[in-house]
Amino acid sequence: MTEYKNIIVTGGAGFIGSNFVHYVYNNHPDVHVTVLDKLTYAGNRANIEEILGDRVELVVGDIADAHWLINWLLRLMPLFTMRAEKPQ
């Protein structure tokens, strides 16, 4: 885990996901965690509220929404398309 400096945890506000986020927070102080959760009946901000801050951030969104997910991911990193052919 220590070779990763930034991780994304989907479902990180749910029971299992939030326990994993707390584990990373407590055991890997050099890792930044982005929690991506839809916050439905299973996800609860309160599960990670106490550790939100510089090392843990919450992004509310639905990974099943491909358009939203792609737009969010593109904000995290640049994308250079070197395709020579136009899409069909």
PDB file of N, CA and C in Angstrom:
ATOM      1  N   MET A   1       0.828  -1.205   0.000  1.00  0.00           N
ATOM      2  CA  MET A   1       0.000   0.000   0.000  1.00  0.00           C
ATOM      3  C   MET A   1       0.866   1.259   0.000  1.00  0.00           C
ATOM      4  N   THR A   2       2.010   1.232   0.631  1.00  0.00           N
ATOM      5  CA  THR A   2       2.775   2.464   0.788  1.00  0.00           C
ATOM      6  C   THR A   2       3.315   3.021  -0.515  1.00  0.00           C
ATOM      7  N   GLU A   3       3.369   2.197  -1.587  1.00  0.00           N
ATOM      8  CA  GLU A   3       3.834   2.756  -2.849  1.00  0.00           C
ATOM      9  C   GLU A   3       2.776   3.651  -3.490  1.00  0.00           C
ATOM     10  N   TYR A   4       1.536   3.521  -3.056  1.00  0.00           N
ATOM     11  CA  TYR A   4       0.465   4.377  -3.560  1.00  0.00           C
ATOM     12  C   TYR A   4       0.340   5.603  -2.670  1.00  0.00           C
ATOM     13  N   LYS A   5       0.291   6.762  -3.296  1.00  0.00           N
ATOM     14  CA  LYS A   5       0.148   8.003  -2.538  1.00  0.00           C
ATOM     15  C   LYS A   5      -1.274   8.517  -2.563  1.00  0.00           C
ATOM     16  N   ASN A   6      -2.057   8.083  -3.544  1.00  0.00           N
ATOM     17  CA  ASN A   6      -3.447   8.488  -3.681  1.00  0.00           C
ATOM     18  C   ASN A   6      -4.267   7.269  -4.062  1.00  0.00           C
ATOM     19  N   ILE A   7      -5.346   7.032  -3.321  1.00  0.00           N
ATOM     20  CA  ILE A   7      -6.234   5.930  -3.667  1.00  0.00           C
ATOM     21  C   ILE A   7      -7.672   6.433  -3.693  1.00  0.00           C
ATOM     22  N   ILE A   8      -8.502   5.747  -4.470  1.00  0.00           N
ATOM     23  CA  ILE A   8      -9.935   6.018  -4.529  1.00  0.00           C
ATOM     24  C   ILE A   8     -10.635   4.787  -3.978  1.00  0.00           C
ATOM     25  N   VAL A   9     -11.539   4.999  -3.029  1.00  0.00           N
ATOM     26  CA  VAL A   9     -12.306   3.900  -2.448  1.00  0.00           C
ATOM     27  C   VAL A   9     -13.769   4.119  -2.804  1.00  0.00           C
ATOM     28  N   THR A  10     -14.293   3.286  -3.695  1.00  0.00           N
ATOM     29  CA  THR A  10     -15.714   3.396  -4.036  1.00  0.00           C
ATOM     30  C   THR A  10     -16.512   2.704  -2.936  1.00  0.00           C
ATOM     31  N   GLY A  11     -17.629   3.302  -2.573  1.00  0.00           N
ATOM     32  CA  GLY A  11     -18.417   2.765  -1.475  1.00  0.00           C
ATOM     33  C   GLY A  11     -17.749   2.975  -0.131  1.00  0.00           C
ATOM     34  N   GLY A  12     -16.882   3.961  -0.055  1.00  0.00           N
ATOM     35  CA  GLY A  12     -16.082   4.190   1.142  1.00  0.00           C
ATOM     36  C   GLY A  12     -16.825   4.783   2.316  1.00  0.00           C
ATOM     37  N   ALA A  13     -18.094   5.117   2.163  1.00  0.00           N
ATOM     38  CA  ALA A  13     -18.881   5.624   3.289  1.00  0.00           C
ATOM     39  C   ALA A  13     -19.813   4.548   3.835  1.00  0.00           C
ATOM     40  N   GLY A  14     -19.778   3.366   3.244  1.00  0.00           N
ATOM     41  CA  GLY A  14     -20.563   2.248   3.754  1.00  0.00           C
ATOM     42  C   GLY A  14     -19.829   1.559   4.890  1.00  0.00           C
ATOM     43  N   PHE A  15     -20.407   0.513   5.438  1.00  0.00           N
ATOM     44  CA  PHE A  15     -19.824  -0.163   6.598  1.00  0.00           C
ATOM     45  C   PHE A  15     -18.434  -0.727   6.294  1.00  0.00           C
ATOM     46  N   ILE A  16     -18.334  -1.563   5.285  1.00  0.00           N
ATOM     47  CA  ILE A  16     -17.048  -2.190   4.970  1.00  0.00           C
ATOM     48  C   ILE A  16     -16.060  -1.159   4.431  1.00  0.00           C
ATOM     49  N   GLY A  17     -16.518  -0.344   3.492  1.00  0.00           N
ATOM     50  CA  GLY A  17     -15.638   0.658   2.895  1.00  0.00           C
ATOM     51  C   GLY A  17     -15.086   1.640   3.914  1.00  0.00           C
ATOM     52  N   SER A  18     -15.924   2.098   4.831  1.00  0.00           N
ATOM     53  CA  SER A  18     -15.453   3.076   5.824  1.00  0.00           C
ATOM     54  C   SER A  18     -14.448   2.449   6.783  1.00  0.00           C
ATOM     55  N   ASN A  19     -14.614   1.169   7.088  1.00  0.00           N
ATOM     56  CA  ASN A  19     -13.614   0.506   7.929  1.00  0.00           C
ATOM     57  C   ASN A  19     -12.278   0.417   7.207  1.00  0.00           C
ATOM     58  N   PHE A  20     -12.307   0.160   5.918  1.00  0.00           N
ATOM     59  CA  PHE A  20     -11.068   0.148   5.136  1.00  0.00           C
ATOM     60  C   PHE A  20     -10.439   1.536   5.098  1.00  0.00           C
ATOM     61  N   VAL A  21     -11.257   2.571   4.900  1.00  0.00           N
ATOM     62  CA  VAL A  21     -10.752   3.946   4.869  1.00  0.00           C
ATOM     63  C   VAL A  21     -10.096   4.291   6.206  1.00  0.00           C
ATOM     64  N   HIS A  22     -10.729   3.927   7.303  1.00  0.00           N
ATOM     65  CA  HIS A  22     -10.142   4.169   8.628  1.00  0.00           C
ATOM     66  C   HIS A  22      -8.828   3.400   8.788  1.00  0.00           C
ATOM     67  N   TYR A  23      -8.779   2.170   8.290  1.00  0.00           N
ATOM     68  CA  TYR A  23      -7.547   1.385   8.357  1.00  0.00           C
ATOM     69  C   TYR A  23      -6.402   2.099   7.624  1.00  0.00           C
ATOM     70  N   VAL A  24      -6.678   2.533   6.402  1.00  0.00           N
ATOM     71  CA  VAL A  24      -5.650   3.233   5.625  1.00  0.00           C
ATOM     72  C   VAL A  24      -5.245   4.516   6.347  1.00  0.00           C
ATOM     73  N   TYR A  25      -6.215   5.261   6.822  1.00  0.00           N
ATOM     74  CA  TYR A  25      -5.946   6.517   7.528  1.00  0.00           C
ATOM     75  C   TYR A  25      -5.050   6.283   8.743  1.00  0.00           C
ATOM     76  N   ASN A  26      -5.323   5.253   9.497  1.00  0.00           N
ATOM     77  CA  ASN A  26      -4.577   4.988  10.726  1.00  0.00           C
ATOM     78  C   ASN A  26      -3.227   4.325  10.501  1.00  0.00           C
ATOM     79  N   ASN A  27      -3.064   3.601   9.408  1.00  0.00           N
ATOM     80  CA  ASN A  27      -1.855   2.805   9.207  1.00  0.00           C
ATOM     81  C   ASN A  27      -0.945   3.276   8.076  1.00  0.00           C
ATOM     82  N   HIS A  28      -1.422   4.193   7.251  1.00  0.00           N
ATOM     83  CA  HIS A  28      -0.630   4.680   6.126  1.00  0.00           C
ATOM     84  C   HIS A  28      -0.739   6.206   6.050  1.00  0.00           C
ATOM     85  N   PRO A  29      -0.006   6.893   6.905  1.00  0.00           N
ATOM     86  CA  PRO A  29      -0.152   8.347   7.003  1.00  0.00           C
ATOM     87  C   PRO A  29       0.289   9.124   5.770  1.00  0.00           C
ATOM     88  N   ASP A  30       0.957   8.476   4.838  1.00  0.00           N
ATOM     89  CA  ASP A  30       1.409   9.158   3.628  1.00  0.00           C
ATOM     90  C   ASP A  30       0.442   8.972   2.452  1.00  0.00           C
ATOM     91  N   VAL A  31      -0.685   8.316   2.681  1.00  0.00           N
ATOM     92  CA  VAL A  31      -1.640   8.032   1.618  1.00  0.00           C
ATOM     93  C   VAL A  31      -2.846   8.962   1.722  1.00  0.00           C
ATOM     94  N   HIS A  32      -3.209   9.568   0.589  1.00  0.00           N
ATOM     95  CA  HIS A  32      -4.415  10.393   0.499  1.00  0.00           C
ATOM     96  C   HIS A  32      -5.546   9.513  -0.027  1.00  0.00           C
ATOM     97  N   VAL A  33      -6.711   9.558   0.632  1.00  0.00           N
ATOM     98  CA  VAL A  33      -7.843   8.722   0.274  1.00  0.00           C
ATOM     99  C   VAL A  33      -8.981   9.591  -0.252  1.00  0.00           C
ATOM    100  N   THR A  34      -9.454   9.273  -1.436  1.00  0.00           N
ATOM    101  CA  THR A  34     -10.664   9.884  -1.965  1.00  0.00           C
ATOM    102  C   THR A  34     -11.772   8.847  -1.864  1.00  0.00           C
ATOM    103  N   VAL A  35     -12.793   9.179  -1.094  1.00  0.00           N
ATOM    104  CA  VAL A  35     -13.944   8.302  -0.932  1.00  0.00           C
ATOM    105  C   VAL A  35     -14.988   8.719  -1.959  1.00  0.00           C
ATOM    106  N   LEU A  36     -15.372   7.795  -2.798  1.00  0.00           N
ATOM    107  CA  LEU A  36     -16.403   8.044  -3.805  1.00  0.00           C
ATOM    108  C   LEU A  36     -17.621   7.216  -3.428  1.00  0.00           C
ATOM    109  N   ASP A  37     -18.713   7.890  -3.065  1.00  0.00           N
ATOM    110  CA  ASP A  37     -19.890   7.186  -2.586  1.00  0.00           C
ATOM    111  C   ASP A  37     -21.146   7.917  -3.034  1.00  0.00           C
ATOM    112  N   LYS A  38     -22.173   7.163  -3.320  1.00  0.00           N
ATOM    113  CA  LYS A  38     -23.455   7.731  -3.732  1.00  0.00           C
ATOM    114  C   LYS A  38     -24.275   8.210  -2.528  1.00  0.00           C
ATOM    115  N   LEU A  39     -23.913   7.738  -1.338  1.00  0.00           N
ATOM    116  CA  LEU A  39     -24.615   8.072  -0.091  1.00  0.00           C
ATOM    117  C   LEU A  39     -26.096   7.719  -0.166  1.00  0.00           C
ATOM    118  N   THR A  40     -26.351   6.458  -0.448  1.00  0.00           N
ATOM    119  CA  THR A  40     -27.723   5.960  -0.428  1.00  0.00           C
ATOM    120  C   THR A  40     -27.988   5.376   0.960  1.00  0.00           C
ATOM    121  N   TYR A  41     -28.881   4.418   1.053  1.00  0.00           N
ATOM    122  CA  TYR A  41     -29.194   3.811   2.347  1.00  0.00           C
ATOM    123  C   TYR A  41     -27.965   3.149   2.983  1.00  0.00           C
ATOM    124  N   ALA A  42     -27.021   2.688   2.170  1.00  0.00           N
ATOM    125  CA  ALA A  42     -25.870   1.957   2.690  1.00  0.00           C
ATOM    126  C   ALA A  42     -24.681   2.850   3.030  1.00  0.00           C
ATOM    127  N   GLY A  43     -24.580   3.995   2.390  1.00  0.00           N
ATOM    128  CA  GLY A  43     -23.463   4.897   2.632  1.00  0.00           C
ATOM    129  C   GLY A  43     -23.873   6.037   3.538  1.00  0.00           C
ATOM    130  N   ASN A  44     -23.029   6.339   4.506  1.00  0.00           N
ATOM    131  CA  ASN A  44     -23.351   7.373   5.470  1.00  0.00           C
ATOM    132  C   ASN A  44     -22.122   8.227   5.733  1.00  0.00           C
ATOM    133  N   ARG A  45     -22.227   9.514   5.485  1.00  0.00           N
ATOM    134  CA  ARG A  45     -21.112  10.438   5.704  1.00  0.00           C
ATOM    135  C   ARG A  45     -20.577  10.356   7.133  1.00  0.00           C
ATOM    136  N   ALA A  46     -21.455  10.077   8.079  1.00  0.00           N
ATOM    137  CA  ALA A  46     -21.050  10.003   9.484  1.00  0.00           C
ATOM    138  C   ALA A  46     -19.989   8.925   9.725  1.00  0.00           C
ATOM    139  N   ASN A  47     -19.946   7.902   8.869  1.00  0.00           N
ATOM    140  CA  ASN A  47     -18.960   6.826   9.037  1.00  0.00           C
ATOM    141  C   ASN A  47     -17.526   7.300   8.854  1.00  0.00           C
ATOM    142  N   ILE A  48     -17.339   8.401   8.119  1.00  0.00           N
ATOM    143  CA  ILE A  48     -15.976   8.908   7.883  1.00  0.00           C
ATOM    144  C   ILE A  48     -15.823  10.370   8.295  1.00  0.00           C
ATOM    145  N   GLU A  49     -16.860  10.950   8.831  1.00  0.00           N
ATOM    146  CA  GLU A  49     -16.876  12.381   9.149  1.00  0.00           C
ATOM    147  C   GLU A  49     -15.659  12.825   9.959  1.00  0.00           C
ATOM    148  N   GLU A  50     -15.294  12.043  10.965  1.00  0.00           N
ATOM    149  CA  GLU A  50     -14.220  12.452  11.875  1.00  0.00           C
ATOM    150  C   GLU A  50     -12.831  12.469  11.237  1.00  0.00           C
ATOM    151  N   ILE A  51     -12.674  11.821  10.082  1.00  0.00           N
ATOM    152  CA  ILE A  51     -11.356  11.813   9.440  1.00  0.00           C
ATOM    153  C   ILE A  51     -11.319  12.614   8.139  1.00  0.00           C
ATOM    154  N   LEU A  52     -12.438  13.213   7.759  1.00  0.00           N
ATOM    155  CA  LEU A  52     -12.431  14.051   6.556  1.00  0.00           C
ATOM    156  C   LEU A  52     -11.521  15.248   6.775  1.00  0.00           C
ATOM    157  N   GLY A  53     -10.742  15.570   5.768  1.00  0.00           N
ATOM    158  CA  GLY A  53      -9.809  16.691   5.888  1.00  0.00           C
ATOM    159  C   GLY A  53      -8.742  16.608   4.825  1.00  0.00           C
ATOM    160  N   ASP A  54      -7.513  16.931   5.205  1.00  0.00           N
ATOM    161  CA  ASP A  54      -6.410  16.965   4.244  1.00  0.00           C
ATOM    162  C   ASP A  54      -6.116  15.610   3.614  1.00  0.00           C
ATOM    163  N   ARG A  55      -6.273  14.528   4.363  1.00  0.00           N
ATOM    164  CA  ARG A  55      -5.904  13.201   3.852  1.00  0.00           C
ATOM    165  C   ARG A  55      -7.079  12.369   3.360  1.00  0.00           C
ATOM    166  N   VAL A  56      -8.281  12.751   3.734  1.00  0.00           N
ATOM    167  CA  VAL A  56      -9.461  12.002   3.313  1.00  0.00           C
ATOM    168  C   VAL A  56     -10.497  12.987   2.797  1.00  0.00           C
ATOM    169  N   GLU A  57     -10.950  12.769   1.562  1.00  0.00           N
ATOM    170  CA  GLU A  57     -11.987  13.634   1.003  1.00  0.00           C
ATOM    171  C   GLU A  57     -13.144  12.779   0.520  1.00  0.00           C
ATOM    172  N   LEU A  58     -14.329  13.341   0.582  1.00  0.00           N
ATOM    173  CA  LEU A  58     -15.532  12.656   0.133  1.00  0.00           C
ATOM    174  C   LEU A  58     -16.032  13.298  -1.142  1.00  0.00           C
ATOM    175  N   VAL A  59     -16.259  12.468  -2.154  1.00  0.00           N
ATOM    176  CA  VAL A  59     -16.870  12.907  -3.401  1.00  0.00           C
ATOM    177  C   VAL A  59     -18.175  12.136  -3.530  1.00  0.00           C
ATOM    178  N   VAL A  60     -19.275  12.860  -3.600  1.00  0.00           N
ATOM    179  CA  VAL A  60     -20.580  12.217  -3.717  1.00  0.00           C
ATOM    180  C   VAL A  60     -20.915  12.066  -5.190  1.00  0.00           C
ATOM    181  N   GLY A  61     -21.093  10.824  -5.603  1.00  0.00           N
ATOM    182  CA  GLY A  61     -21.405  10.549  -6.992  1.00  0.00           C
ATOM    183  C   GLY A  61     -21.704   9.081  -7.188  1.00  0.00           C
ATOM    184  N   ASP A  62     -22.155   8.751  -8.374  1.00  0.00           N
ATOM    185  CA  ASP A  62     -22.584   7.399  -8.706  1.00  0.00           C
ATOM    186  C   ASP A  62     -21.660   6.831  -9.771  1.00  0.00           C
ATOM    187  N   ILE A  63     -20.909   5.791  -9.443  1.00  0.00           N
ATOM    188  CA  ILE A  63     -19.990   5.209 -10.431  1.00  0.00           C
ATOM    189  C   ILE A  63     -20.740   4.514 -11.560  1.00  0.00           C
ATOM    190  N   ALA A  64     -22.029   4.268 -11.381  1.00  0.00           N
ATOM    191  CA  ALA A  64     -22.835   3.681 -12.458  1.00  0.00           C
ATOM    192  C   ALA A  64     -23.212   4.715 -13.516  1.00  0.00           C
ATOM    193  N   ASP A  65     -23.022   5.977 -13.210  1.00  0.00           N
ATOM    194  CA  ASP A  65     -23.283   7.067 -14.156  1.00  0.00           C
ATOM    195  C   ASP A  65     -21.983   7.348 -14.906  1.00  0.00           C
ATOM    196  N   ALA A  66     -21.823   6.697 -16.041  1.00  0.00           N
ATOM    197  CA  ALA A  66     -20.564   6.762 -16.790  1.00  0.00           C
ATOM    198  C   ALA A  66     -20.186   8.191 -17.172  1.00  0.00           C
ATOM    199  N   HIS A  67     -21.140   8.992 -17.589  1.00  0.00           N
ATOM    200  CA  HIS A  67     -20.854  10.374 -17.974  1.00  0.00           C
ATOM    201  C   HIS A  67     -20.291  11.161 -16.795  1.00  0.00           C
ATOM    202  N   TRP A  68     -20.924  11.046 -15.644  1.00  0.00           N
ATOM    203  CA  TRP A  68     -20.433  11.748 -14.452  1.00  0.00           C
ATOM    204  C   TRP A  68     -19.051  11.243 -14.067  1.00  0.00           C
ATOM    205  N   LEU A  69     -18.873   9.925 -14.071  1.00  0.00           N
ATOM    206  CA  LEU A  69     -17.606   9.333 -13.648  1.00  0.00           C
ATOM    207  C   LEU A  69     -16.450   9.762 -14.550  1.00  0.00           C
ATOM    208  N   ILE A  70     -16.656   9.724 -15.851  1.00  0.00           N
ATOM    209  CA  ILE A  70     -15.599  10.138 -16.779  1.00  0.00           C
ATOM    210  C   ILE A  70     -15.247  11.607 -16.573  1.00  0.00           C
ATOM    211  N   ASN A  71     -16.248  12.461 -16.430  1.00  0.00           N
ATOM    212  CA  ASN A  71     -15.973  13.885 -16.199  1.00  0.00           C
ATOM    213  C   ASN A  71     -15.224  14.110 -14.896  1.00  0.00           C
ATOM    214  N   TRP A  72     -15.575  13.357 -13.859  1.00  0.00           N
ATOM    215  CA  TRP A  72     -14.879  13.493 -12.579  1.00  0.00           C
ATOM    216  C   TRP A  72     -13.436  13.016 -12.703  1.00  0.00           C
ATOM    217  N   LEU A  73     -13.231  11.879 -13.353  1.00  0.00           N
ATOM    218  CA  LEU A  73     -11.868  11.362 -13.512  1.00  0.00           C
ATOM    219  C   LEU A  73     -11.000  12.306 -14.346  1.00  0.00           C
ATOM    220  N   LEU A  74     -11.580  12.931 -15.347  1.00  0.00           N
ATOM    221  CA  LEU A  74     -10.806  13.847 -16.187  1.00  0.00           C
ATOM    222  C   LEU A  74     -10.336  15.070 -15.411  1.00  0.00           C
ATOM    223  N   ARG A  75     -11.040  15.425 -14.342  1.00  0.00           N
ATOM    224  CA  ARG A  75     -10.578  16.542 -13.511  1.00  0.00           C
ATOM    225  C   ARG A  75      -9.368  16.160 -12.676  1.00  0.00           C
ATOM    226  N   LEU A  76      -9.157  14.854 -12.483  1.00  0.00           N
ATOM    227  CA  LEU A  76      -8.041  14.388 -11.669  1.00  0.00           C
ATOM    228  C   LEU A  76      -6.736  14.315 -12.445  1.00  0.00           C
ATOM    229  N   MET A  77      -6.839  14.085 -13.739  1.00  0.00           N
ATOM    230  CA  MET A  77      -5.628  13.899 -14.522  1.00  0.00           C
ATOM    231  C   MET A  77      -5.841  14.401 -15.942  1.00  0.00           C
ATOM    232  N   PRO A  78      -4.776  14.849 -16.572  1.00  0.00           N
ATOM    233  CA  PRO A  78      -4.920  15.274 -17.964  1.00  0.00           C
ATOM    234  C   PRO A  78      -5.075  14.059 -18.878  1.00  0.00           C
ATOM    235  N   LEU A  79      -5.757  14.268 -19.970  1.00  0.00           N
ATOM    236  CA  LEU A  79      -5.941  13.218 -20.967  1.00  0.00           C
ATOM    237  C   LEU A  79      -5.436  13.744 -22.297  1.00  0.00           C
ATOM    238  N   PHE A  80      -4.501  13.025 -22.890  1.00  0.00           N
ATOM    239  CA  PHE A  80      -3.965  13.385 -24.191  1.00  0.00           C
ATOM    240  C   PHE A  80      -4.363  12.298 -25.172  1.00  0.00           C
ATOM    241  N   THR A  81      -5.183  12.624 -26.136  1.00  0.00           N
ATOM    242  CA  THR A  81      -5.642  11.666 -27.126  1.00  0.00           C
ATOM    243  C   THR A  81      -4.787  11.824 -28.379  1.00  0.00           C
ATOM    244  N   MET A  82      -4.062  10.791 -28.741  1.00  0.00           N
ATOM    245  CA  MET A  82      -3.163  10.827 -29.896  1.00  0.00           C
ATOM    246  C   MET A  82      -3.701   9.976 -31.038  1.00  0.00           C
ATOM    247  N   ARG A  83      -4.992   9.768 -31.051  1.00  0.00           N
ATOM    248  CA  ARG A  83      -5.618   8.929 -32.066  1.00  0.00           C
ATOM    249  C   ARG A  83      -5.537   9.624 -33.432  1.00  0.00           C
ATOM    250  N   ALA A  84      -5.154   8.868 -34.438  1.00  0.00           N
ATOM    251  CA  ALA A  84      -5.037   9.426 -35.793  1.00  0.00           C
ATOM    252  C   ALA A  84      -6.319   9.249 -36.587  1.00  0.00           C
ATOM    253  N   GLU A  85      -7.109   8.264 -36.230  1.00  0.00           N
ATOM    254  CA  GLU A  85      -8.353   8.011 -36.959  1.00  0.00           C
ATOM    255  C   GLU A  85      -9.536   8.562 -36.188  1.00  0.00           C
ATOM    256  N   LYS A  86     -10.527   8.994 -36.941  1.00  0.00           N
ATOM    257  CA  LYS A  86     -11.731   9.476 -36.278  1.00  0.00           C
ATOM    258  C   LYS A  86     -12.546   8.275 -35.820  1.00  0.00           C
ATOM    259  N   PRO A  87     -13.309   8.423 -34.721  1.00  0.00           N
ATOM    260  CA  PRO A  87     -14.139   7.300 -34.259  1.00  0.00           C
ATOM    261  C   PRO A  87     -15.223   6.990 -35.275  1.00  0.00           C
ATOM    262  N   GLN A  88     -15.622   5.733 -35.307  1.00  0.00           N
ATOM    263  CA  GLN A  88     -16.646   5.310 -36.265  1.00  0.00           C
ATOM    264  C   GLN A  88     -17.974   5.143 -35.604  1.00  0.00           C
TER     265      GLN A  88
END
